Amino acid sequence: MQNSTTIGFIGAGNMAYAIISGLINNGISAEKIKLSDTNESLLSLRKDEFNLEVFTDNIELAAHCDVIVLAVKPQILSIVCHQITESIKPGALIVSIAAGVRVRDINRWLGGNQPIVRTMPNTPALLNQGVTGLFANENVSASQKELAGDILSSVGQSLWVEEEGMLDAVTALSGSGPAYFFLMIESMSNAGVALGLDEKTAQALSIQTALGASMMADASTDSAHELRGKVTSPNGTTQAAIESFQDQDFDLIVAHAMRAAFDRAGELGVELGDSD
């Protein structure tokens, strides 16, 4: 990523904080990052944290930037887009991290023919362990696509999809996915307490087991299926637990849950796009 590119963030919340931190940690000068928000106390905090130029006026910020990252709540995205339409630099790249809002609606709110990358990051980005799905419209150049990938890769991995509808699948898998693992940790901890462990010990065992298993899966060339087989001894304790999961059709439970998230993501896209 070139340090000559000026990147502006509209919205100073947690995800903007994570990405700005990642960019600076990857060598991007704070002088090339600008930030706007209507919350002056939050804006002041971010200014002190990063030594950035900040604005309370989105229009003023947009006029200075080659890339504008829309990091606001989806419900107000249309308002923000209408605000900045006249001040955006010609050809400036728009990167949206607002969940659910489709590219065609963002493009319409911005007046059309805008290079737009829509993204679906997840909350582990706050620890630089995120994964982000990205989709570019036809107005995005190859260099802009690379730039968007670099920006989101500053907080973890970034993966491109060829069809925007697949971002709903990304949402169902990785966007909502951290909550699934939190639920598993919660359930395992509760079960451990029921088996006689104290709550603190059960929770620590659950969290570290989840972390260790994820690290093993990431480091190994084996598939998750193969790794599971290696720790499942015939007629042992793990096999007993896995068979109990399978008897209750664990795969189907997960599939149904992710389908529900996928369907809801599509519904939200329609609902949010109706706002003008």
Protein backbone atom coordinates (compact mmCIF):
# COMPACT_ATOMS: atom_id res chain seq x y z
CA MET A 1 0.00 0.00 0.00
CA GLN A 2 1.41 3.40 -0.95
CA ASN A 3 1.82 5.99 1.79
CA SER A 4 0.68 8.65 -0.69
CA THR A 5 -2.91 7.39 -0.43
CA THR A 6 -5.13 9.27 1.99
CA ILE A 7 -7.68 7.06 3.74
CA GLY A 8 -10.68 8.56 5.49
CA PHE A 9 -12.94 6.80 7.97
CA ILE A 10 -16.49 7.96 8.54
CA GLY A 11 -17.41 6.53 11.91
CA ALA A 12 -15.01 6.20 14.85
CA GLY A 13 -16.36 3.01 16.44
CA ASN A 14 -14.64 -0.25 17.29
CA MET A 15 -14.15 -1.56 13.76
CA ALA A 16 -12.71 1.74 12.53
CA TYR A 17 -10.43 1.70 15.59
CA ALA A 18 -9.25 -1.83 14.76
CA ILE A 19 -8.52 -1.06 11.09
CA ILE A 20 -6.75 2.22 11.86
CA SER A 21 -4.61 0.42 14.45
CA GLY A 22 -3.79 -2.28 11.90
CA LEU A 23 -2.85 0.23 9.22
CA ILE A 24 -0.55 2.18 11.53
CA ASN A 25 1.03 -1.04 12.83
CA ASN A 26 1.69 -1.97 9.20
CA GLY A 27 3.60 1.24 8.53
CA ILE A 28 0.93 3.62 7.19
CA SER A 29 1.56 7.14 8.43
CA ALA A 30 -1.11 8.61 10.69
CA GLU A 31 -0.83 11.74 8.57
CA LYS A 32 -2.48 9.80 5.74
CA ILE A 33 -5.45 8.68 7.83
CA LYS A 34 -8.39 10.96 8.59
CA LEU A 35 -11.45 10.37 10.73
CA SER A 36 -14.90 11.89 11.16
CA ASP A 37 -17.70 11.29 13.64
CA THR A 38 -20.54 13.26 15.19
CA ASN A 39 -19.55 11.98 18.64
CA GLU A 40 -17.01 14.62 19.65
CA SER A 41 -15.83 12.86 22.81
CA LEU A 42 -15.12 9.64 20.88
CA LEU A 43 -13.45 11.65 18.13
CA SER A 44 -11.23 13.37 20.70
CA LEU A 45 -10.27 9.99 22.15
CA ARG A 46 -9.26 8.64 18.73
CA LYS A 47 -7.29 11.80 17.99
CA ASP A 48 -5.31 11.33 21.20
CA GLU A 49 -4.80 7.62 20.54
CA PHE A 50 -3.55 7.95 16.95
CA ASN A 51 -2.64 11.63 16.45
CA LEU A 52 -5.00 11.85 13.46
CA GLU A 53 -6.65 14.78 11.74
CA VAL A 54 -10.31 14.57 12.71
CA PHE A 55 -13.53 16.15 11.49
CA THR A 56 -17.06 16.49 12.78
CA ASP A 57 -18.19 17.18 9.20
CA ASN A 58 -18.30 14.13 6.87
CA ILE A 59 -18.42 16.38 3.81
CA GLU A 60 -15.13 18.04 4.73
CA LEU A 61 -13.43 14.68 5.34
CA ALA A 62 -14.62 13.22 2.01
CA ALA A 63 -13.07 16.07 0.05
CA HIS A 64 -9.58 15.17 1.33
CA CYS A 65 -9.53 11.40 0.77
CA ASP A 66 -8.62 8.92 -1.98
CA VAL A 67 -10.35 6.12 -0.07
CA ILE A 68 -13.41 6.55 2.12
CA VAL A 69 -14.23 3.76 4.57
CA LEU A 70 -17.89 3.83 5.56
CA ALA A 71 -17.81 2.56 9.15
CA VAL A 72 -21.23 3.69 10.33
CA LYS A 73 -24.31 1.77 11.39
CA PRO A 74 -26.20 0.35 8.39
CA GLN A 75 -29.35 2.24 9.38
CA ILE A 76 -27.71 5.64 8.79
CA LEU A 77 -25.56 4.72 5.79
CA SER A 78 -27.98 6.26 3.27
CA ILE A 79 -27.90 9.57 5.14
CA VAL A 80 -24.09 9.61 5.17
CA CYS A 81 -23.86 8.73 1.48
CA HIS A 82 -26.26 11.51 0.50
CA GLN A 83 -24.21 13.93 2.62
CA ILE A 84 -20.89 13.27 0.91
CA THR A 85 -21.99 12.72 -2.71
CA GLU A 86 -20.94 16.15 -3.96
CA SER A 87 -17.61 16.27 -2.11
CA ILE A 88 -16.10 12.89 -3.07
CA LYS A 89 -13.00 13.11 -5.24
CA PRO A 90 -13.55 11.78 -8.80
CA GLY A 91 -12.74 8.07 -8.82
CA ALA A 92 -12.29 7.83 -5.06
CA LEU A 93 -12.69 4.30 -3.72
CA ILE A 94 -15.56 3.66 -1.33
CA VAL A 95 -15.12 0.78 1.12
CA SER A 96 -18.20 -0.19 3.12
CA ILE A 97 -18.02 -2.23 6.31
CA ALA A 98 -21.72 -1.61 7.03
CA ALA A 99 -23.34 -5.02 7.35
CA GLY A 100 -26.08 -5.97 4.94
CA VAL A 101 -26.24 -2.91 2.71
CA ARG A 102 -25.85 -3.86 -0.95
CA VAL A 103 -23.47 -2.24 -3.41
CA ARG A 104 -26.22 -1.15 -5.78
CA ASP A 105 -27.93 0.80 -3.00
CA ILE A 106 -24.70 2.45 -1.86
CA ASN A 107 -23.95 3.33 -5.47
CA ARG A 108 -27.43 4.80 -5.94
CA TRP A 109 -27.13 6.92 -2.80
CA LEU A 110 -23.74 8.20 -4.02
CA GLY A 111 -25.09 9.20 -7.44
CA GLY A 112 -23.90 6.20 -9.49
CA ASN A 113 -20.70 5.02 -11.24
CA GLN A 114 -18.73 4.89 -7.99
CA PRO A 115 -15.95 2.35 -7.32
CA ILE A 116 -17.27 0.44 -4.31
CA VAL A 117 -15.92 -2.49 -2.31
CA ARG A 118 -18.38 -4.01 0.13
CA THR A 119 -16.84 -5.98 2.99
CA MET A 120 -17.93 -8.30 5.78
CA PRO A 121 -15.34 -8.27 8.58
CA ASN A 122 -15.82 -10.00 11.92
CA THR A 123 -15.15 -8.96 15.50
CA PRO A 124 -11.82 -10.80 16.01
CA ALA A 125 -10.46 -7.99 13.83
CA LEU A 126 -10.26 -6.11 17.13
CA LEU A 127 -7.38 -8.48 18.00
CA ASN A 128 -5.91 -8.50 14.47
CA GLN A 129 -7.30 -12.03 14.10
CA GLY A 130 -10.24 -11.21 11.85
CA VAL A 131 -11.30 -12.57 8.51
CA THR A 132 -13.09 -10.41 5.95
CA GLY A 133 -15.06 -11.24 2.85
CA LEU A 134 -14.87 -8.63 0.07
CA PHE A 135 -16.81 -7.91 -3.12
CA ALA A 136 -15.92 -5.27 -5.71
CA ASN A 137 -18.29 -3.72 -8.23
CA GLU A 138 -17.36 -3.25 -11.90
CA ASN A 139 -16.06 0.29 -11.32
CA VAL A 140 -13.22 -0.87 -9.06
CA SER A 141 -9.82 -0.98 -10.77
CA ALA A 142 -7.25 -3.71 -10.17
CA SER A 143 -5.11 -1.34 -8.10
CA GLN A 144 -8.10 -0.25 -6.02
CA LYS A 145 -9.04 -3.87 -5.43
CA GLU A 146 -5.52 -4.55 -4.19
CA LEU A 147 -5.70 -1.45 -1.98
CA ALA A 148 -8.99 -2.53 -0.40
CA GLY A 149 -7.55 -5.97 0.27
CA ASP A 150 -4.50 -4.42 1.93
CA ILE A 151 -6.67 -2.23 4.17
CA LEU A 152 -8.76 -5.13 5.44
CA SER A 153 -5.76 -7.48 5.66
CA SER A 154 -4.31 -5.12 8.26
CA VAL A 155 -6.65 -6.78 10.79
CA GLY A 156 -6.42 -10.40 9.62
CA GLN A 157 -7.14 -12.34 6.45
CA SER A 158 -9.16 -11.04 3.50
CA LEU A 159 -10.92 -13.22 0.94
CA TRP A 160 -12.67 -12.08 -2.24
CA VAL A 161 -15.99 -13.41 -3.54
CA GLU A 162 -17.05 -13.07 -7.18
CA GLU A 163 -20.78 -12.66 -6.49
CA GLU A 164 -22.16 -10.19 -3.96
CA GLY A 165 -24.77 -12.71 -2.82
CA MET A 166 -21.94 -14.82 -1.43
CA LEU A 167 -21.32 -12.14 1.19
CA ASP A 168 -24.50 -13.40 2.82
CA ALA A 169 -22.79 -16.80 3.11
CA VAL A 170 -19.69 -15.07 4.53
CA THR A 171 -21.96 -13.33 7.04
CA ALA A 172 -23.53 -16.64 8.05
CA LEU A 173 -20.15 -18.34 8.45
CA SER A 174 -17.54 -15.87 9.69
CA GLY A 175 -19.49 -12.66 10.32
CA SER A 176 -21.85 -14.31 12.80
CA GLY A 177 -19.48 -17.21 13.46
CA PRO A 178 -17.69 -15.89 16.56
CA ALA A 179 -21.02 -16.02 18.41
CA TYR A 180 -21.36 -19.71 17.55
CA PHE A 181 -18.03 -20.44 19.20
CA PHE A 182 -18.93 -18.30 22.21
CA LEU A 183 -22.09 -20.38 22.53
CA MET A 184 -20.04 -23.58 22.38
CA ILE A 185 -17.66 -22.26 25.05
CA GLU A 186 -20.62 -21.25 27.20
CA SER A 187 -22.28 -24.65 26.79
CA MET A 188 -19.08 -26.58 27.49
CA SER A 189 -18.40 -24.46 30.58
CA ASN A 190 -21.92 -25.05 31.90
CA ALA A 191 -21.56 -28.79 31.26
CA GLY A 192 -18.22 -28.82 33.08
CA VAL A 193 -19.83 -27.20 36.12
CA ALA A 194 -22.61 -29.79 36.01
CA LEU A 195 -19.90 -32.48 36.08
CA GLY A 196 -18.40 -31.00 39.25
CA LEU A 197 -15.83 -28.40 38.13
CA ASP A 198 -15.93 -24.91 39.57
CA GLU A 199 -17.09 -22.21 37.14
CA LYS A 200 -13.70 -20.49 36.77
CA THR A 201 -11.89 -23.75 35.98
CA ALA A 202 -14.57 -24.93 33.56
CA GLN A 203 -14.49 -21.63 31.68
CA ALA A 204 -10.67 -21.56 31.47
CA LEU A 205 -10.58 -25.14 30.17
CA SER A 206 -13.26 -24.37 27.57
CA ILE A 207 -11.59 -21.19 26.27
CA GLN A 208 -8.09 -22.66 26.08
CA THR A 209 -9.39 -25.84 24.41
CA ALA A 210 -11.15 -23.77 21.75
CA LEU A 211 -8.04 -21.64 21.22
CA GLY A 212 -5.70 -24.62 21.04
CA ALA A 213 -7.92 -26.54 18.64
CA SER A 214 -8.19 -23.50 16.33
CA MET A 215 -4.43 -23.03 16.37
CA MET A 216 -3.91 -26.71 15.54
CA ALA A 217 -6.37 -26.51 12.64
CA ASP A 218 -4.65 -23.39 11.33
CA ALA A 219 -1.14 -24.86 11.61
CA SER A 220 -1.96 -28.30 10.19
CA THR A 221 -2.19 -29.43 6.58
CA ASP A 222 -4.83 -31.95 7.67
CA SER A 223 -8.52 -31.21 7.28
CA ALA A 224 -10.70 -30.69 10.32
CA HIS A 225 -12.20 -34.12 9.64
CA GLU A 226 -8.74 -35.72 9.65
CA LEU A 227 -7.70 -33.89 12.82
CA ARG A 228 -10.86 -35.04 14.56
CA GLY A 229 -10.09 -38.63 13.58
CA LYS A 230 -6.60 -38.39 15.06
CA VAL A 231 -7.93 -37.45 18.50
CA THR A 232 -10.82 -39.92 18.48
CA SER A 233 -9.59 -43.27 19.81
CA PRO A 234 -11.82 -46.26 19.09
CA ASN A 235 -14.21 -46.91 21.98
CA GLY A 236 -12.70 -44.01 23.91
CA THR A 237 -14.14 -40.95 25.61
CA THR A 238 -13.97 -38.70 22.55
CA GLN A 239 -15.76 -41.27 20.40
CA ALA A 240 -18.54 -41.45 22.98
CA ALA A 241 -18.99 -37.68 22.85
CA ILE A 242 -18.82 -37.49 19.04
CA GLU A 243 -21.40 -40.26 18.69
CA SER A 244 -23.70 -38.36 21.04
CA PHE A 245 -23.35 -35.26 18.87
CA GLN A 246 -24.02 -37.28 15.73
CA ASP A 247 -27.03 -39.03 17.24
CA GLN A 248 -28.57 -35.58 17.67
CA ASP A 249 -27.58 -34.63 14.07
CA PHE A 250 -25.04 -31.97 14.97
CA ASP A 251 -24.25 -31.27 11.29
CA LEU A 252 -27.91 -30.54 10.59
CA ILE A 253 -28.19 -28.25 13.62
CA VAL A 254 -25.23 -26.20 12.34
CA ALA A 255 -26.56 -26.19 8.77
CA HIS A 256 -29.99 -24.98 9.88
CA ALA A 257 -28.46 -22.23 12.03
CA MET A 258 -26.26 -20.96 9.21
CA ARG A 259 -29.15 -21.08 6.73
CA ALA A 260 -31.18 -18.94 9.15
CA ALA A 261 -28.33 -16.40 9.30
CA PHE A 262 -27.92 -16.49 5.50
CA ASP A 263 -31.63 -15.90 4.91
CA ARG A 264 -31.75 -13.07 7.43
CA ALA A 265 -28.74 -11.40 5.80
CA GLY A 266 -30.61 -11.35 2.49
CA GLU A 267 -33.72 -9.93 4.15
CA LEU A 268 -31.70 -7.18 5.82
CA GLY A 269 -30.18 -6.21 2.48
CA VAL A 270 -33.65 -5.59 1.09
CA GLU A 271 -34.86 -3.76 4.20
CA LEU A 272 -31.83 -1.52 4.47
CA GLY A 273 -31.82 -0.76 0.74
CA ASP A 274 -35.32 0.61 0.97
CA SER A 275 -34.10 3.54 3.05
CA ASP A 276 -33.39 6.74 1.16
